[in-house]
PDB file of all heavy atoms in Angstrom:
ATOM      1  N   TYR A   1       8.849  56.459  27.499  1.00  0.00           N
ATOM      2  CA  TYR A   1       8.385  57.809  27.723  1.00  0.00           C
ATOM      3  C   TYR A   1       7.496  57.973  28.986  1.00  0.00           C
ATOM      4  O   TYR A   1       7.036  58.981  29.242  1.00  0.00           O
ATOM      5  CB  TYR A   1       7.694  58.342  26.556  1.00  0.00           C
ATOM      6  CG  TYR A   1       8.611  58.428  25.284  1.00  0.00           C
ATOM      7  CD1 TYR A   1       8.534  57.511  24.250  1.00  0.00           C
ATOM      8  CD2 TYR A   1       9.484  59.451  25.051  1.00  0.00           C
ATOM      9  CE1 TYR A   1       9.329  57.576  23.176  1.00  0.00           C
ATOM     10  CE2 TYR A   1      10.294  59.594  24.030  1.00  0.00           C
ATOM     11  CZ  TYR A   1      10.188  58.615  22.963  1.00  0.00           C
ATOM     12  OH  TYR A   1      11.056  58.708  21.970  1.00  0.00           O
ATOM     13  N   GLY A   2       7.405  56.830  29.637  1.00  0.00           N
ATOM     14  CA  GLY A   2       6.399  56.882  30.752  1.00  0.00           C
ATOM     15  C   GLY A   2       6.944  57.259  32.100  1.00  0.00           C
ATOM     16  O   GLY A   2       6.236  57.179  33.175  1.00  0.00           O
ATOM     17  N   GLY A   3       8.237  57.629  32.106  1.00  0.00           N
ATOM     18  CA  GLY A   3       8.813  58.152  33.377  1.00  0.00           C
ATOM     19  C   GLY A   3       9.585  57.037  34.071  1.00  0.00           C
ATOM     20  O   GLY A   3       9.804  55.968  33.437  1.00  0.00           O
ATOM     21  N   ALA A   4      10.153  57.360  35.274  1.00  0.00           N
ATOM     22  CA  ALA A   4      11.026  56.461  35.955  1.00  0.00           C
ATOM     23  C   ALA A   4      10.230  55.074  36.346  1.00  0.00           C
ATOM     24  O   ALA A   4      10.973  54.060  36.344  1.00  0.00           O
ATOM     25  CB  ALA A   4      11.509  57.053  37.281  1.00  0.00           C
ATOM     26  N   LYS A   5       9.037  55.066  36.702  1.00  0.00           N
ATOM     27  CA  LYS A   5       8.239  53.914  37.026  1.00  0.00           C
ATOM     28  C   LYS A   5       6.982  53.925  36.121  1.00  0.00           C
ATOM     29  O   LYS A   5       5.922  54.002  36.655  1.00  0.00           O
ATOM     30  CB  LYS A   5       7.873  53.911  38.462  1.00  0.00           C
ATOM     31  CG  LYS A   5       9.097  53.776  39.395  1.00  0.00           C
ATOM     32  CD  LYS A   5       8.722  53.605  40.892  1.00  0.00           C
ATOM     33  CE  LYS A   5       9.880  53.538  41.760  1.00  0.00           C
ATOM     34  NZ  LYS A   5       9.510  53.457  43.144  1.00  0.00           N
ATOM     35  N   PRO A   6       7.108  53.495  34.849  1.00  0.00           N
ATOM     36  CA  PRO A   6       6.085  53.490  33.942  1.00  0.00           C
ATOM     37  C   PRO A   6       5.034  52.511  34.337  1.00  0.00           C
ATOM     38  O   PRO A   6       5.359  51.315  34.708  1.00  0.00           O
ATOM     39  CB  PRO A   6       6.599  53.243  32.588  1.00  0.00           C
ATOM     40  CG  PRO A   6       7.850  52.571  32.843  1.00  0.00           C
ATOM     41  CD  PRO A   6       8.387  53.104  34.211  1.00  0.00           C
ATOM     42  N   ALA A   7       3.777  52.785  34.209  1.00  0.00           N
ATOM     43  CA  ALA A   7       2.610  51.835  34.436  1.00  0.00           C
ATOM     44  C   ALA A   7       1.882  51.667  33.168  1.00  0.00           C
ATOM     45  O   ALA A   7       1.431  52.632  32.512  1.00  0.00           O
ATOM     46  CB  ALA A   7       1.712  52.336  35.606  1.00  0.00           C
ATOM     47  N   VAL A   8       1.732  50.444  32.671  1.00  0.00           N
ATOM     48  CA  VAL A   8       1.150  50.224  31.369  1.00  0.00           C
ATOM     49  C   VAL A   8       0.019  49.113  31.514  1.00  0.00           C
ATOM     50  O   VAL A   8       0.162  48.132  32.104  1.00  0.00           O
ATOM     51  CB  VAL A   8       2.168  49.695  30.388  1.00  0.00           C
ATOM     52  CG1 VAL A   8       1.533  49.599  29.027  1.00  0.00           C
ATOM     53  CG2 VAL A   8       3.375  50.574  30.356  1.00  0.00           C
ATOM     54  N   SER A   9      -1.140  49.464  30.836  1.00  0.00           N
ATOM     55  CA  SER A   9      -2.269  48.420  30.834  1.00  0.00           C
ATOM     56  C   SER A   9      -2.448  48.088  29.400  1.00  0.00           C
ATOM     57  O   SER A   9      -2.493  48.894  28.529  1.00  0.00           O
ATOM     58  CB  SER A   9      -3.496  49.096  31.363  1.00  0.00           C
ATOM     59  OG  SER A   9      -4.609  48.292  31.194  1.00  0.00           O
ATOM     60  N   VAL A  10      -2.536  46.714  29.163  1.00  0.00           N
ATOM     61  CA  VAL A  10      -2.771  46.210  27.817  1.00  0.00           C
ATOM     62  C   VAL A  10      -4.102  45.345  27.914  1.00  0.00           C
ATOM     63  O   VAL A  10      -4.216  44.359  28.785  1.00  0.00           O
ATOM     64  CB  VAL A  10      -1.636  45.369  27.296  1.00  0.00           C
ATOM     65  CG1 VAL A  10      -1.968  44.878  25.874  1.00  0.00           C
ATOM     66  CG2 VAL A  10      -0.329  46.127  27.341  1.00  0.00           C
ATOM     67  N   ARG A  11      -5.083  45.553  27.018  1.00  0.00           N
ATOM     68  CA  ARG A  11      -6.313  44.766  27.098  1.00  0.00           C
ATOM     69  C   ARG A  11      -6.666  44.344  25.615  1.00  0.00           C
ATOM     70  O   ARG A  11      -6.329  45.133  24.697  1.00  0.00           O
ATOM     71  CB  ARG A  11      -7.449  45.752  27.590  1.00  0.00           C
ATOM     72  CG  ARG A  11      -7.343  46.146  28.964  1.00  0.00           C
ATOM     73  CD  ARG A  11      -8.410  47.112  29.372  1.00  0.00           C
ATOM     74  NE  ARG A  11      -9.738  46.544  29.157  1.00  0.00           N
ATOM     75  CZ  ARG A  11     -10.830  47.168  28.951  1.00  0.00           C
ATOM     76  NH1 ARG A  11     -10.780  48.538  28.871  1.00  0.00           N
ATOM     77  NH2 ARG A  11     -12.004  46.604  28.685  1.00  0.00           N
ATOM     78  N   CYS A  12      -7.176  43.197  25.624  1.00  0.00           N
ATOM     79  CA  CYS A  12      -7.741  42.687  24.356  1.00  0.00           C
ATOM     80  C   CYS A  12      -9.251  42.427  24.523  1.00  0.00           C
ATOM     81  O   CYS A  12      -9.648  41.827  25.530  1.00  0.00           O
ATOM     82  CB  CYS A  12      -7.035  41.314  23.915  1.00  0.00           C
ATOM     83  SG  CYS A  12      -5.333  41.474  23.502  1.00  0.00           S
ATOM     84  N   LEU A  13     -10.000  42.840  23.551  1.00  0.00           N
ATOM     85  CA  LEU A  13     -11.491  42.668  23.625  1.00  0.00           C
ATOM     86  C   LEU A  13     -12.197  42.634  22.326  1.00  0.00           C
ATOM     87  O   LEU A  13     -11.501  42.918  21.274  1.00  0.00           O
ATOM     88  CB  LEU A  13     -12.074  43.707  24.500  1.00  0.00           C
ATOM     89  CG  LEU A  13     -11.980  45.258  24.012  1.00  0.00           C
ATOM     90  CD1 LEU A  13     -13.179  46.061  24.304  1.00  0.00           C
ATOM     91  CD2 LEU A  13     -10.764  45.891  24.578  1.00  0.00           C
ATOM     92  N   ARG A  14     -13.377  42.111  22.365  1.00  0.00           N
ATOM     93  CA  ARG A  14     -14.110  42.069  21.105  1.00  0.00           C
ATOM     94  C   ARG A  14     -15.201  43.165  21.129  1.00  0.00           C
ATOM     95  O   ARG A  14     -15.879  43.412  22.071  1.00  0.00           O
ATOM     96  CB  ARG A  14     -14.833  40.728  21.106  1.00  0.00           C
ATOM     97  CG  ARG A  14     -15.647  40.671  19.800  1.00  0.00           C
ATOM     98  CD  ARG A  14     -16.252  39.146  19.591  1.00  0.00           C
ATOM     99  NE  ARG A  14     -17.000  39.027  18.440  1.00  0.00           N
ATOM    100  CZ  ARG A  14     -17.264  37.849  17.803  1.00  0.00           C
ATOM    101  NH1 ARG A  14     -16.771  36.711  18.408  1.00  0.00           N
ATOM    102  NH2 ARG A  14     -18.059  37.777  16.799  1.00  0.00           N
ATOM    103  N   GLN A  15     -15.235  43.944  20.033  1.00  0.00           N
ATOM    104  CA  GLN A  15     -16.261  44.999  19.867  1.00  0.00           C
ATOM    105  C   GLN A  15     -16.992  44.736  18.577  1.00  0.00           C
ATOM    106  O   GLN A  15     -16.439  45.062  17.535  1.00  0.00           O
ATOM    107  CB  GLN A  15     -15.613  46.323  19.951  1.00  0.00           C
ATOM    108  CG  GLN A  15     -15.109  46.780  21.314  1.00  0.00           C
ATOM    109  CD  GLN A  15     -14.599  48.309  21.332  1.00  0.00           C
ATOM    110  OE1 GLN A  15     -14.330  48.811  20.252  1.00  0.00           O
ATOM    111  NE2 GLN A  15     -14.391  48.807  22.519  1.00  0.00           N
ATOM    112  N   GLY A  16     -18.137  44.147  18.702  1.00  0.00           N
ATOM    113  CA  GLY A  16     -18.893  43.820  17.403  1.00  0.00           C
ATOM    114  C   GLY A  16     -18.128  42.861  16.642  1.00  0.00           C
ATOM    115  O   GLY A  16     -17.810  41.729  17.136  1.00  0.00           O
ATOM    116  N   ASN A  17     -17.789  43.193  15.475  1.00  0.00           N
ATOM    117  CA  ASN A  17     -17.001  42.227  14.516  1.00  0.00           C
ATOM    118  C   ASN A  17     -15.650  42.575  14.433  1.00  0.00           C
ATOM    119  O   ASN A  17     -14.907  42.337  13.391  1.00  0.00           O
ATOM    120  CB  ASN A  17     -17.674  42.286  13.101  1.00  0.00           C
ATOM    121  CG  ASN A  17     -17.589  43.691  12.437  1.00  0.00           C
ATOM    122  OD1 ASN A  17     -17.273  44.617  13.148  1.00  0.00           O
ATOM    123  ND2 ASN A  17     -17.958  43.707  11.151  1.00  0.00           N
ATOM    124  N   ARG A  18     -15.035  43.191  15.373  1.00  0.00           N
ATOM    125  CA  ARG A  18     -13.646  43.621  15.414  1.00  0.00           C
ATOM    126  C   ARG A  18     -12.941  43.169  16.705  1.00  0.00           C
ATOM    127  O   ARG A  18     -13.552  43.129  17.857  1.00  0.00           O
ATOM    128  CB  ARG A  18     -13.519  45.106  15.323  1.00  0.00           C
ATOM    129  CG  ARG A  18     -14.175  45.745  14.054  1.00  0.00           C
ATOM    130  CD  ARG A  18     -14.000  47.217  13.953  1.00  0.00           C
ATOM    131  NE  ARG A  18     -12.732  47.547  13.478  1.00  0.00           N
ATOM    132  CZ  ARG A  18     -12.415  47.546  12.074  1.00  0.00           C
ATOM    133  NH1 ARG A  18     -13.230  47.115  11.204  1.00  0.00           N
ATOM    134  NH2 ARG A  18     -11.081  47.834  11.808  1.00  0.00           N
ATOM    135  N   ALA A  19     -11.689  42.779  16.519  1.00  0.00           N
ATOM    136  CA  ALA A  19     -10.781  42.531  17.672  1.00  0.00           C
ATOM    137  C   ALA A  19     -10.094  43.800  18.011  1.00  0.00           C
ATOM    138  O   ALA A  19      -9.539  44.514  17.017  1.00  0.00           O
ATOM    139  CB  ALA A  19      -9.880  41.435  17.311  1.00  0.00           C
ATOM    140  N   VAL A  20      -9.989  44.129  19.225  1.00  0.00           N
ATOM    141  CA  VAL A  20      -9.339  45.468  19.680  1.00  0.00           C
ATOM    142  C   VAL A  20      -8.232  45.202  20.732  1.00  0.00           C
ATOM    143  O   VAL A  20      -8.472  44.473  21.619  1.00  0.00           O
ATOM    144  CB  VAL A  20     -10.431  46.374  20.256  1.00  0.00           C
ATOM    145  CG1 VAL A  20      -9.816  47.821  20.623  1.00  0.00           C
ATOM    146  CG2 VAL A  20     -11.610  46.614  19.313  1.00  0.00           C
ATOM    147  N   LEU A  21      -7.096  45.857  20.450  1.00  0.00           N
ATOM    148  CA  LEU A  21      -6.017  45.893  21.319  1.00  0.00           C
ATOM    149  C   LEU A  21      -5.941  47.292  21.940  1.00  0.00           C
ATOM    150  O   LEU A  21      -5.759  48.208  21.138  1.00  0.00           O
ATOM    151  CB  LEU A  21      -4.710  45.508  20.607  1.00  0.00           C
ATOM    152  CG  LEU A  21      -3.522  45.509  21.435  1.00  0.00           C
ATOM    153  CD1 LEU A  21      -3.474  44.268  22.423  1.00  0.00           C
ATOM    154  CD2 LEU A  21      -2.192  45.317  20.478  1.00  0.00           C
ATOM    155  N   LEU A  22      -5.924  47.431  23.242  1.00  0.00           N
ATOM    156  CA  LEU A  22      -5.959  48.733  23.882  1.00  0.00           C
ATOM    157  C   LEU A  22      -4.630  48.885  24.792  1.00  0.00           C
ATOM    158  O   LEU A  22      -4.316  48.000  25.543  1.00  0.00           O
ATOM    159  CB  LEU A  22      -7.165  49.004  24.806  1.00  0.00           C
ATOM    160  CG  LEU A  22      -8.536  48.915  24.178  1.00  0.00           C
ATOM    161  CD1 LEU A  22      -9.619  49.046  25.177  1.00  0.00           C
ATOM    162  CD2 LEU A  22      -8.495  50.046  23.209  1.00  0.00           C
ATOM    163  N   PHE A  23      -3.833  49.929  24.512  1.00  0.00           N
ATOM    164  CA  PHE A  23      -2.700  50.272  25.267  1.00  0.00           C
ATOM    165  C   PHE A  23      -2.997  51.552  26.037  1.00  0.00           C
ATOM    166  O   PHE A  23      -3.644  52.435  25.503  1.00  0.00           O
ATOM    167  CB  PHE A  23      -1.505  50.521  24.465  1.00  0.00           C
ATOM    168  CG  PHE A  23      -0.707  49.362  24.080  1.00  0.00           C
ATOM    169  CD1 PHE A  23      -1.076  48.444  23.037  1.00  0.00           C
ATOM    170  CD2 PHE A  23       0.469  48.995  24.900  1.00  0.00           C
ATOM    171  CE1 PHE A  23      -0.347  47.346  22.757  1.00  0.00           C
ATOM    172  CE2 PHE A  23       1.187  47.817  24.555  1.00  0.00           C
ATOM    173  CZ  PHE A  23       0.825  47.005  23.512  1.00  0.00           C
ATOM    174  N   ARG A  24      -2.586  51.592  27.282  1.00  0.00           N
ATOM    175  CA  ARG A  24      -2.839  52.783  28.199  1.00  0.00           C
ATOM    176  C   ARG A  24      -1.670  52.872  29.055  1.00  0.00           C
ATOM    177  O   ARG A  24      -1.264  51.894  29.717  1.00  0.00           O
ATOM    178  CB  ARG A  24      -4.180  52.652  28.929  1.00  0.00           C
ATOM    179  CG  ARG A  24      -4.435  53.784  29.910  1.00  0.00           C
ATOM    180  CD  ARG A  24      -5.005  54.922  29.132  1.00  0.00           C
ATOM    181  NE  ARG A  24      -5.563  56.047  30.056  1.00  0.00           N
ATOM    182  CZ  ARG A  24      -4.863  57.001  30.605  1.00  0.00           C
ATOM    183  NH1 ARG A  24      -3.541  57.072  30.266  1.00  0.00           N
ATOM    184  NH2 ARG A  24      -5.449  57.896  31.345  1.00  0.00           N
ATOM    185  N   ASP A  25      -1.109  54.049  29.126  1.00  0.00           N
ATOM    186  CA  ASP A  25      -0.072  54.399  30.152  1.00  0.00           C
ATOM    187  C   ASP A  25      -0.427  55.597  30.878  1.00  0.00           C
ATOM    188  O   ASP A  25      -1.325  56.403  30.499  1.00  0.00           O
ATOM    189  CB  ASP A  25       1.309  54.396  29.522  1.00  0.00           C
ATOM    190  CG  ASP A  25       1.593  55.623  28.608  1.00  0.00           C
ATOM    191  OD1 ASP A  25       1.269  56.733  29.038  1.00  0.00           O
ATOM    192  OD2 ASP A  25       2.168  55.458  27.552  1.00  0.00           O
ATOM    193  N   TRP A  26       0.223  55.852  31.882  1.00  0.00           N
ATOM    194  CA  TRP A  26      -0.034  57.040  32.805  1.00  0.00           C
ATOM    195  C   TRP A  26       1.160  57.930  32.955  1.00  0.00           C
ATOM    196  O   TRP A  26       1.401  58.507  34.034  1.00  0.00           O
ATOM    197  CB  TRP A  26      -0.515  56.557  34.199  1.00  0.00           C
ATOM    198  CG  TRP A  26      -1.909  56.012  34.155  1.00  0.00           C
ATOM    199  CD1 TRP A  26      -3.148  56.765  34.383  1.00  0.00           C
ATOM    200  CD2 TRP A  26      -2.278  54.712  33.802  1.00  0.00           C
ATOM    201  NE1 TRP A  26      -4.175  55.834  34.235  1.00  0.00           N
ATOM    202  CE2 TRP A  26      -3.724  54.612  33.839  1.00  0.00           C
ATOM    203  CE3 TRP A  26      -1.645  53.517  33.444  1.00  0.00           C
ATOM    204  CZ2 TRP A  26      -4.460  53.377  33.536  1.00  0.00           C
ATOM    205  CZ3 TRP A  26      -2.304  52.447  33.063  1.00  0.00           C
ATOM    206  CH2 TRP A  26      -3.634  52.412  33.129  1.00  0.00           C
ATOM    207  N   GLY A  27       1.910  58.032  31.864  1.00  0.00           N
ATOM    208  CA  GLY A  27       3.073  58.838  31.833  1.00  0.00           C
ATOM    209  C   GLY A  27       2.821  60.321  31.512  1.00  0.00           C
ATOM    210  O   GLY A  27       1.647  60.779  31.689  1.00  0.00           O
ATOM    211  N   PRO A  28       3.772  61.096  31.135  1.00  0.00           N
ATOM    212  CA  PRO A  28       3.558  62.560  30.937  1.00  0.00           C
ATOM    213  C   PRO A  28       2.743  62.856  29.688  1.00  0.00           C
ATOM    214  O   PRO A  28       2.378  63.988  29.525  1.00  0.00           O
ATOM    215  CB  PRO A  28       5.046  63.010  30.859  1.00  0.00           C
ATOM    216  CG  PRO A  28       5.791  61.887  30.450  1.00  0.00           C
ATOM    217  CD  PRO A  28       5.239  60.660  30.994  1.00  0.00           C
TER     218      PRO A  28
END
């Protein structure tokens, strides 16, 4: 769904006592 040339960022980080997986795209 991100268009003809989708750009995606995936990050893993620690926030306090939780593991967090972040997805971000710049589509429509």
